[in-house]
Amino acid sequence: MHCYSCEEILQKNSNNTQNPYGIYKGQEKKNNPEHTHEFIEIVFILSGFGTHVINGYSYDVSAGSCLLILPGEIHSFSGVFTYFNVYLTPDYLSSEIITEHNAFQILALTDFPNLQKTVAKTNSTLIFFQEETRKEIAFLLEKTLEEYQTKKTGYETAVSCYLTLFFNELYRQITFGETIKQDTDFHHFRILEYIDSHYNEKLTLNELAKRCYYQPKYFSKIFKKYYGISVSAYIQKLRLTHGKRLLTETDQPIKTIAREIGCSDSVAFYRYFKQEYGCSPAEFRKKHRETIKE
């Protein structure tokens, strides 16, 4: 299976450096075998019909269908249709498209694969534009393509603006469209699942933000807004919760427990534990055992 790199797909700009985006208009009349890529791909069907398979899930597509494929996802398609393909690097999305005003909306779109699965059993796509809106989307993408191809003065700004409008329409359709009624609040997104599964590893704000295609400052702001706690404080509380469990359920040395839950050293574990629970790990374990004996 081939993995398409940015160098293979994205053209070089006038400065002979790699473009962080690309847009193409084409027609398929054949099968495109399974592949993956390093960039974000958005497929908007203008006319025709076919089938798109993403990570083993099959979706029927026709005029108005739109699919968002994130880096690393395995997909293939077949059929006869005219379409737009929009390619973006994750860095371009985080630096040029995401702003303080649309950060939450873009986050909703980064969870697209999980939302899409909710309608997989119907073979429909999560985003489907009716005819009136379909014309508006086609217009936005035609203008984006024109700027991309002609490269007139200021075309980078124009492309960024058109793509921002396009992403806004995608978000509106997921949130308010007729395709699916899905609560897209922040707490439904898979970043918490990732933290919960990797709490004992070295987790950085930059790494977590990158998973959502966010700039770190926006990710931190949104996380705290919806959870009332900072990212670092959430991770620390999670580690302490697991540490507390290991203190009561095992006889492991405290140094070992500190290492297993991801604390840098046992001194830090002692300090954080006492701040959270008002006693040291050793005192907590002793009190727990005394309670059991009683």
Protein backbone atom coordinates (compact mmCIF):
# COMPACT_ATOMS: atom_id res chain seq x y z
CA MET A 1 0.00 0.00 0.00
CA HIS A 2 1.38 3.37 -1.00
CA CYS A 3 1.71 6.33 1.37
CA TYR A 4 1.64 9.61 -0.55
CA SER A 5 4.05 12.23 0.75
CA CYS A 6 3.56 15.99 0.57
CA GLU A 7 6.38 16.15 -1.98
CA GLU A 8 4.50 13.81 -4.34
CA ILE A 9 1.19 15.68 -4.29
CA LEU A 10 1.75 19.31 -3.33
CA GLN A 11 3.34 21.56 -5.90
CA LYS A 12 6.23 23.89 -5.23
CA ASN A 13 5.49 27.60 -5.11
CA SER A 14 7.23 30.51 -6.80
CA ASN A 15 10.01 30.42 -4.18
CA ASN A 16 10.68 26.75 -5.06
CA THR A 17 9.51 25.66 -1.61
CA GLN A 18 6.80 23.13 -0.83
CA ASN A 19 3.25 24.47 -0.94
CA PRO A 20 1.40 23.60 2.29
CA TYR A 21 -1.87 23.11 0.38
CA GLY A 22 -3.24 22.10 -2.96
CA ILE A 23 -6.60 21.98 -4.73
CA TYR A 24 -7.53 19.97 -7.80
CA LYS A 25 -10.62 19.30 -9.84
CA GLY A 26 -10.90 15.96 -11.59
CA GLN A 27 -13.01 13.06 -12.75
CA GLU A 28 -12.69 9.40 -11.77
CA LYS A 29 -13.78 6.53 -13.97
CA LYS A 30 -11.76 3.78 -12.33
CA ASN A 31 -10.88 2.15 -9.05
CA ASN A 32 -8.30 3.85 -6.87
CA PRO A 33 -6.65 1.21 -4.65
CA GLU A 34 -6.06 1.51 -0.92
CA HIS A 35 -3.54 4.14 0.05
CA THR A 36 -2.73 6.63 2.76
CA HIS A 37 -0.98 9.98 2.96
CA GLU A 38 0.82 12.46 5.19
CA PHE A 39 -1.61 15.31 4.68
CA ILE A 40 -5.30 16.11 5.19
CA GLU A 41 -7.53 15.41 2.21
CA ILE A 42 -11.05 16.71 1.64
CA VAL A 43 -13.14 15.25 -1.18
CA PHE A 44 -16.22 17.13 -2.40
CA ILE A 45 -18.34 15.38 -5.06
CA LEU A 46 -19.73 17.68 -7.73
CA SER A 47 -21.56 15.08 -9.81
CA GLY A 48 -21.78 11.35 -10.39
CA PHE A 49 -21.71 8.54 -7.86
CA GLY A 50 -19.37 5.96 -6.39
CA THR A 51 -18.07 4.31 -3.25
CA HIS A 52 -15.43 5.51 -0.84
CA VAL A 53 -13.88 3.18 1.74
CA ILE A 54 -12.14 4.71 4.76
CA ASN A 55 -10.53 2.53 7.43
CA GLY A 56 -12.72 -0.40 6.40
CA TYR A 57 -15.99 1.57 6.40
CA SER A 58 -17.79 1.88 3.05
CA TYR A 59 -19.72 5.02 2.07
CA ASP A 60 -21.86 5.71 -0.97
CA VAL A 61 -21.05 9.11 -2.44
CA SER A 62 -22.92 11.28 -4.90
CA ALA A 63 -23.27 14.96 -5.76
CA GLY A 64 -23.08 16.92 -2.51
CA SER A 65 -21.15 14.30 -0.53
CA CYS A 66 -18.06 15.48 1.32
CA LEU A 67 -15.42 13.41 3.09
CA LEU A 68 -12.54 14.51 5.29
CA ILE A 69 -9.59 12.10 5.45
CA LEU A 70 -6.92 12.69 8.07
CA PRO A 71 -3.22 11.74 7.77
CA GLY A 72 -2.58 8.02 8.10
CA GLU A 73 -6.12 6.90 7.33
CA ILE A 74 -6.40 4.05 4.81
CA HIS A 75 -8.87 4.71 2.03
CA SER A 76 -9.84 3.83 -1.53
CA PHE A 77 -12.58 4.83 -3.92
CA SER A 78 -14.30 3.77 -7.11
CA GLY A 79 -17.03 5.08 -9.36
CA VAL A 80 -17.71 7.74 -11.95
CA PHE A 81 -17.78 11.24 -10.52
CA THR A 82 -16.44 14.77 -10.83
CA TYR A 83 -14.93 16.09 -7.65
CA PHE A 84 -12.72 18.62 -5.89
CA ASN A 85 -9.76 17.45 -3.85
CA VAL A 86 -8.35 19.82 -1.23
CA TYR A 87 -5.01 18.90 0.35
CA LEU A 88 -3.63 20.58 3.47
CA THR A 89 -0.65 19.93 5.69
CA PRO A 90 -1.52 19.77 9.41
CA ASP A 91 0.86 22.69 10.03
CA TYR A 92 -0.99 24.86 7.51
CA LEU A 93 -4.32 24.08 9.14
CA SER A 94 -3.01 25.03 12.59
CA SER A 95 -1.14 28.16 11.50
CA GLU A 96 -3.31 29.65 8.75
CA ILE A 97 -6.88 28.37 9.16
CA ILE A 98 -7.37 28.07 12.92
CA THR A 99 -7.93 31.35 14.73
CA GLU A 100 -9.13 32.31 18.18
CA HIS A 101 -12.62 32.69 16.75
CA ASN A 102 -12.95 29.35 14.95
CA ALA A 103 -10.75 27.10 17.10
CA PHE A 104 -13.65 25.09 18.52
CA GLN A 105 -15.22 24.60 15.10
CA ILE A 106 -12.01 23.22 13.62
CA LEU A 107 -11.61 20.89 16.58
CA ALA A 108 -15.02 19.43 15.77
CA LEU A 109 -13.82 18.65 12.26
CA THR A 110 -10.65 16.92 13.49
CA ASP A 111 -12.91 14.32 15.15
CA PHE A 112 -14.58 13.71 11.79
CA PRO A 113 -13.53 10.02 11.47
CA ASN A 114 -15.23 9.13 14.76
CA LEU A 115 -18.37 11.10 13.91
CA GLN A 116 -18.45 9.57 10.43
CA LYS A 117 -18.55 6.05 11.90
CA THR A 118 -21.89 6.84 13.53
CA VAL A 119 -23.56 6.75 10.13
CA ALA A 120 -21.39 4.07 8.55
CA LYS A 121 -24.09 1.41 8.91
CA THR A 122 -26.35 3.45 6.63
CA ASN A 123 -23.59 3.73 3.97
CA SER A 124 -24.21 7.48 3.93
CA THR A 125 -21.71 10.25 4.50
CA LEU A 126 -21.74 12.51 7.51
CA ILE A 127 -21.53 15.68 5.40
CA PHE A 128 -24.01 16.00 2.58
CA PHE A 129 -24.86 19.37 1.06
CA GLN A 130 -28.26 19.98 -0.47
CA GLU A 131 -28.41 21.60 -3.91
CA GLU A 132 -28.55 25.26 -2.78
CA THR A 133 -25.59 25.00 -0.41
CA ARG A 134 -23.81 22.71 -2.86
CA LYS A 135 -23.61 25.60 -5.33
CA GLU A 136 -22.07 27.85 -2.67
CA ILE A 137 -19.44 25.22 -1.82
CA ALA A 138 -18.65 24.69 -5.49
CA PHE A 139 -18.25 28.47 -5.92
CA LEU A 140 -15.84 28.70 -2.94
CA LEU A 141 -13.73 25.85 -4.27
CA GLU A 142 -13.74 27.21 -7.83
CA LYS A 143 -12.45 30.54 -6.52
CA THR A 144 -9.84 28.75 -4.42
CA LEU A 145 -8.72 26.77 -7.46
CA GLU A 146 -8.54 29.92 -9.57
CA GLU A 147 -6.32 31.68 -7.01
CA TYR A 148 -4.17 28.57 -6.65
CA GLN A 149 -3.63 28.24 -10.38
CA THR A 150 -3.19 31.89 -11.39
CA LYS A 151 -1.11 32.87 -8.34
CA LYS A 152 -1.87 36.56 -8.63
CA THR A 153 -0.51 39.00 -6.06
CA GLY A 154 -1.93 38.14 -2.64
CA TYR A 155 -3.20 34.73 -3.71
CA GLU A 156 -1.97 33.12 -0.46
CA THR A 157 -4.27 35.39 1.55
CA ALA A 158 -7.18 34.72 -0.81
CA VAL A 159 -6.70 30.95 -0.61
CA SER A 160 -6.58 31.11 3.20
CA CYS A 161 -9.80 33.15 3.31
CA TYR A 162 -11.69 30.86 0.93
CA LEU A 163 -10.55 27.75 2.79
CA THR A 164 -11.58 29.28 6.12
CA LEU A 165 -15.08 29.87 4.71
CA PHE A 166 -15.12 26.32 3.36
CA PHE A 167 -14.22 24.85 6.76
CA ASN A 168 -16.91 26.98 8.35
CA GLU A 169 -19.51 25.47 6.00
CA LEU A 170 -18.27 21.98 6.83
CA TYR A 171 -18.67 22.66 10.53
CA ARG A 172 -22.16 24.13 10.06
CA GLN A 173 -23.24 21.06 8.14
CA ILE A 174 -21.99 18.66 10.82
CA THR A 175 -23.61 20.67 13.59
CA PHE A 176 -26.87 21.83 12.01
CA GLY A 177 -27.28 19.75 8.85
CA GLU A 178 -29.91 17.10 8.34
CA THR A 179 -27.42 14.28 7.88
CA ILE A 180 -26.95 13.63 11.58
CA LYS A 181 -27.88 15.13 14.90
CA GLN A 182 -24.65 14.81 16.84
CA ASP A 183 -23.55 16.59 20.00
CA THR A 184 -20.14 17.97 19.10
CA ASP A 185 -19.17 19.42 22.48
CA PHE A 186 -15.50 19.27 23.32
CA HIS A 187 -15.94 16.44 25.83
CA HIS A 188 -16.92 14.01 23.06
CA PHE A 189 -13.58 14.22 21.31
CA ARG A 190 -10.98 11.52 21.49
CA ILE A 191 -8.15 13.59 22.96
CA LEU A 192 -9.25 12.57 26.47
CA GLU A 193 -9.19 8.93 25.46
CA TYR A 194 -5.65 9.41 24.25
CA ILE A 195 -4.56 11.10 27.50
CA ASP A 196 -6.29 8.43 29.59
CA SER A 197 -4.50 5.68 27.65
CA HIS A 198 -1.07 7.34 27.70
CA TYR A 199 -1.05 9.12 31.06
CA ASN A 200 2.07 7.24 32.16
CA GLU A 201 4.07 8.46 29.17
CA LYS A 202 5.70 11.81 28.59
CA LEU A 203 2.86 14.03 27.39
CA THR A 204 3.52 17.56 26.21
CA LEU A 205 1.14 20.36 25.36
CA ASN A 206 2.70 20.63 21.90
CA GLU A 207 2.13 16.93 21.19
CA LEU A 208 -1.49 16.96 22.34
CA ALA A 209 -2.24 20.17 20.46
CA LYS A 210 -0.73 18.70 17.31
CA ARG A 211 -3.10 15.73 17.51
CA CYS A 212 -5.99 18.20 17.16
CA TYR A 213 -4.18 20.35 14.55
CA TYR A 214 -4.11 23.19 17.09
CA GLN A 215 -1.61 25.79 18.07
CA PRO A 216 -0.70 24.99 21.71
CA LYS A 217 -2.13 28.24 23.09
CA TYR A 218 -5.54 27.62 21.48
CA PHE A 219 -5.62 23.99 22.60
CA SER A 220 -4.78 25.01 26.17
CA LYS A 221 -7.46 27.71 26.14
CA ILE A 222 -10.21 25.45 24.77
CA PHE A 223 -9.32 22.59 27.11
CA LYS A 224 -9.52 24.80 30.18
CA LYS A 225 -12.74 26.41 28.97
CA TYR A 226 -14.58 23.09 28.71
CA TYR A 227 -13.03 21.26 31.65
CA GLY A 228 -12.27 24.07 34.07
CA ILE A 229 -8.74 22.73 34.52
CA SER A 230 -5.47 23.07 32.64
CA VAL A 231 -4.06 20.23 30.55
CA SER A 232 -1.11 19.71 32.91
CA ALA A 233 -3.36 19.71 35.99
CA TYR A 234 -5.68 17.14 34.37
CA ILE A 235 -2.75 14.83 33.59
CA GLN A 236 -1.37 15.24 37.11
CA LYS A 237 -4.72 14.39 38.72
CA LEU A 238 -5.08 11.37 36.47
CA ARG A 239 -1.63 10.10 37.42
CA LEU A 240 -2.31 10.62 41.11
CA THR A 241 -5.60 8.72 40.84
CA HIS A 242 -3.77 5.75 39.34
CA GLY A 243 -1.02 6.10 41.93
CA LYS A 244 -3.60 6.02 44.73
CA ARG A 245 -5.09 2.86 43.25
CA LEU A 246 -1.69 1.14 43.04
CA LEU A 247 -0.95 2.08 46.65
CA THR A 248 -4.07 0.26 47.82
CA GLU A 249 -4.08 -2.67 45.40
CA THR A 250 -0.38 -3.59 45.25
CA ASP A 251 2.69 -3.89 47.42
CA GLN A 252 4.91 -2.19 44.88
CA PRO A 253 7.55 0.23 46.25
CA ILE A 254 6.51 3.85 46.03
CA LYS A 255 9.42 4.59 43.68
CA THR A 256 8.13 1.93 41.31
CA ILE A 257 4.60 3.32 41.45
CA ALA A 258 5.89 6.82 40.73
CA ARG A 259 7.67 5.53 37.67
CA GLU A 260 4.69 3.49 36.47
CA ILE A 261 2.28 6.43 36.55
CA GLY A 262 4.65 8.69 34.62
CA CYS A 263 6.06 10.92 37.39
CA SER A 264 9.57 12.14 36.72
CA ASP A 265 10.79 10.96 40.14
CA SER A 266 9.48 9.81 43.51
CA VAL A 267 10.15 13.21 45.10
CA ALA A 268 7.73 14.86 42.66
CA PHE A 269 5.21 12.08 43.30
CA TYR A 270 5.43 12.65 47.08
CA ARG A 271 4.99 16.39 46.67
CA TYR A 272 2.03 16.25 44.30
CA PHE A 273 0.35 13.46 46.27
CA LYS A 274 0.54 15.38 49.53
CA GLN A 275 -0.80 18.54 47.86
CA GLU A 276 -3.77 16.58 46.51
CA TYR A 277 -4.61 14.27 49.42
CA GLY A 278 -3.06 15.96 52.47
CA CYS A 279 -0.71 13.10 53.30
CA SER A 280 2.28 11.32 51.81
CA PRO A 281 1.90 8.14 49.73
CA ALA A 282 3.38 6.08 52.58
CA GLU A 283 0.96 7.58 55.11
CA PHE A 284 -1.97 6.97 52.78
CA ARG A 285 -1.01 3.32 52.28
CA LYS A 286 -0.58 2.82 56.03
CA LYS A 287 -3.97 4.36 56.83
CA HIS A 288 -5.64 2.23 54.15
CA ARG A 289 -4.18 -0.99 55.55
CA GLU A 290 -5.15 -0.05 59.09
CA THR A 291 -8.71 0.57 57.95
CA ILE A 292 -8.88 -2.85 56.28
CA LYS A 293 -7.66 -4.55 59.50
CA GLU A 294 -10.38 -2.87 61.52
